[in-house]
Amino acid sequence: MLAKCANPSCTTEFKYFRHGRLFEFNLHMNSCYDGFPPQKGAKRELFWLCHDCSRKLTLQCDGGQIVPVPRRAREHRAA
């Protein structure tokens, strides 16, 4: 079960799904991926970023681990 925010520098405890953003990754041996369908023997695992962290960060696989990375700012152009 999720216990806290997936950002290692954040101490926010998980209480409700609606207070943040949920991510699903497949873990297989020493690797992770978010593609589907999952490989045979892969374990599906959920990660959560709290509301504050999810506004600035997203999660991705890096070297077989799930790590927080900065979100790219979306550029909005006037039509």
Protein backbone atom coordinates (compact mmCIF):
# COMPACT_ATOMS: atom_id res chain seq x y z
CA MET A 1 0.00 0.00 0.00
CA LEU A 2 1.11 3.55 -0.64
CA ALA A 3 2.49 5.19 2.47
CA LYS A 4 3.88 8.57 1.38
CA CYS A 5 4.69 10.81 -1.55
CA ALA A 6 7.10 9.20 -4.06
CA ASN A 7 9.29 12.31 -3.88
CA PRO A 8 12.05 11.30 -1.43
CA SER A 9 12.40 14.87 -0.14
CA CYS A 10 8.68 15.12 0.72
CA THR A 11 7.18 13.74 3.93
CA THR A 12 3.50 14.04 2.98
CA GLU A 13 1.65 10.87 3.96
CA PHE A 14 -0.83 9.24 1.60
CA LYS A 15 -4.45 9.56 2.73
CA TYR A 16 -6.68 10.00 -0.33
CA PHE A 17 -6.19 9.38 -4.05
CA ARG A 18 -7.78 12.73 -4.83
CA HIS A 19 -5.01 14.64 -3.00
CA GLY A 20 -2.32 14.13 -5.60
CA ARG A 21 -1.54 12.12 -8.69
CA LEU A 22 -1.28 8.36 -9.07
CA PHE A 23 1.21 6.64 -11.40
CA GLU A 24 1.30 3.01 -12.49
CA PHE A 25 4.52 1.27 -13.53
CA ASN A 26 5.42 -2.32 -14.30
CA LEU A 27 8.47 -3.66 -12.49
CA HIS A 28 10.32 -6.63 -13.95
CA MET A 29 13.57 -7.90 -12.48
CA ASN A 30 15.78 -4.78 -12.19
CA SER A 31 13.88 -2.65 -14.66
CA CYS A 32 10.70 -0.62 -14.83
CA TYR A 33 8.49 0.53 -17.66
CA ASP A 34 5.10 2.08 -18.16
CA GLY A 35 4.26 0.29 -21.40
CA PHE A 36 1.44 -2.18 -21.84
CA PRO A 37 0.88 -5.06 -21.99
CA PRO A 38 3.16 -5.94 -19.08
CA GLN A 39 5.92 -8.46 -19.64
CA LYS A 40 5.39 -11.94 -18.29
CA GLY A 41 6.35 -11.95 -14.62
CA ALA A 42 6.14 -8.15 -14.28
CA LYS A 43 4.65 -6.74 -11.11
CA ARG A 44 2.33 -3.74 -11.38
CA GLU A 45 3.06 -1.12 -8.76
CA LEU A 46 1.40 2.20 -7.92
CA PHE A 47 3.26 5.37 -6.94
CA TRP A 48 1.73 8.60 -5.68
CA LEU A 49 2.85 12.22 -5.74
CA CYS A 50 1.12 14.57 -3.31
CA HIS A 51 -0.74 17.60 -4.65
CA ASP A 52 2.16 20.02 -4.13
CA CYS A 53 4.79 17.75 -5.66
CA SER A 54 2.59 16.72 -8.59
CA ARG A 55 2.27 20.38 -9.61
CA LYS A 56 6.07 20.53 -10.14
CA LEU A 57 7.11 16.91 -10.75
CA THR A 58 6.22 13.75 -12.60
CA LEU A 59 7.62 10.22 -12.26
CA GLN A 60 9.67 8.25 -14.76
CA CYS A 61 11.84 5.15 -14.96
CA ASP A 62 15.56 5.82 -14.71
CA GLY A 63 18.13 3.06 -14.31
CA GLY A 64 15.48 0.60 -13.16
CA GLN A 65 14.12 2.91 -10.48
CA ILE A 66 11.16 5.26 -10.32
CA VAL A 67 12.41 8.83 -9.87
CA PRO A 68 10.73 12.24 -9.69
CA VAL A 69 11.65 14.63 -12.52
CA PRO A 70 10.53 18.21 -13.24
CA ARG A 71 7.39 18.59 -15.33
CA ARG A 72 7.81 20.45 -18.58
CA ALA A 73 5.97 23.73 -18.63
CA ARG A 74 3.36 23.83 -21.33
CA GLU A 75 3.59 26.78 -23.63
CA HIS A 76 0.30 28.40 -24.44
CA ARG A 77 0.11 30.57 -27.48
CA ALA A 78 -2.75 32.86 -28.25
CA ALA A 79 -4.56 31.94 -31.44
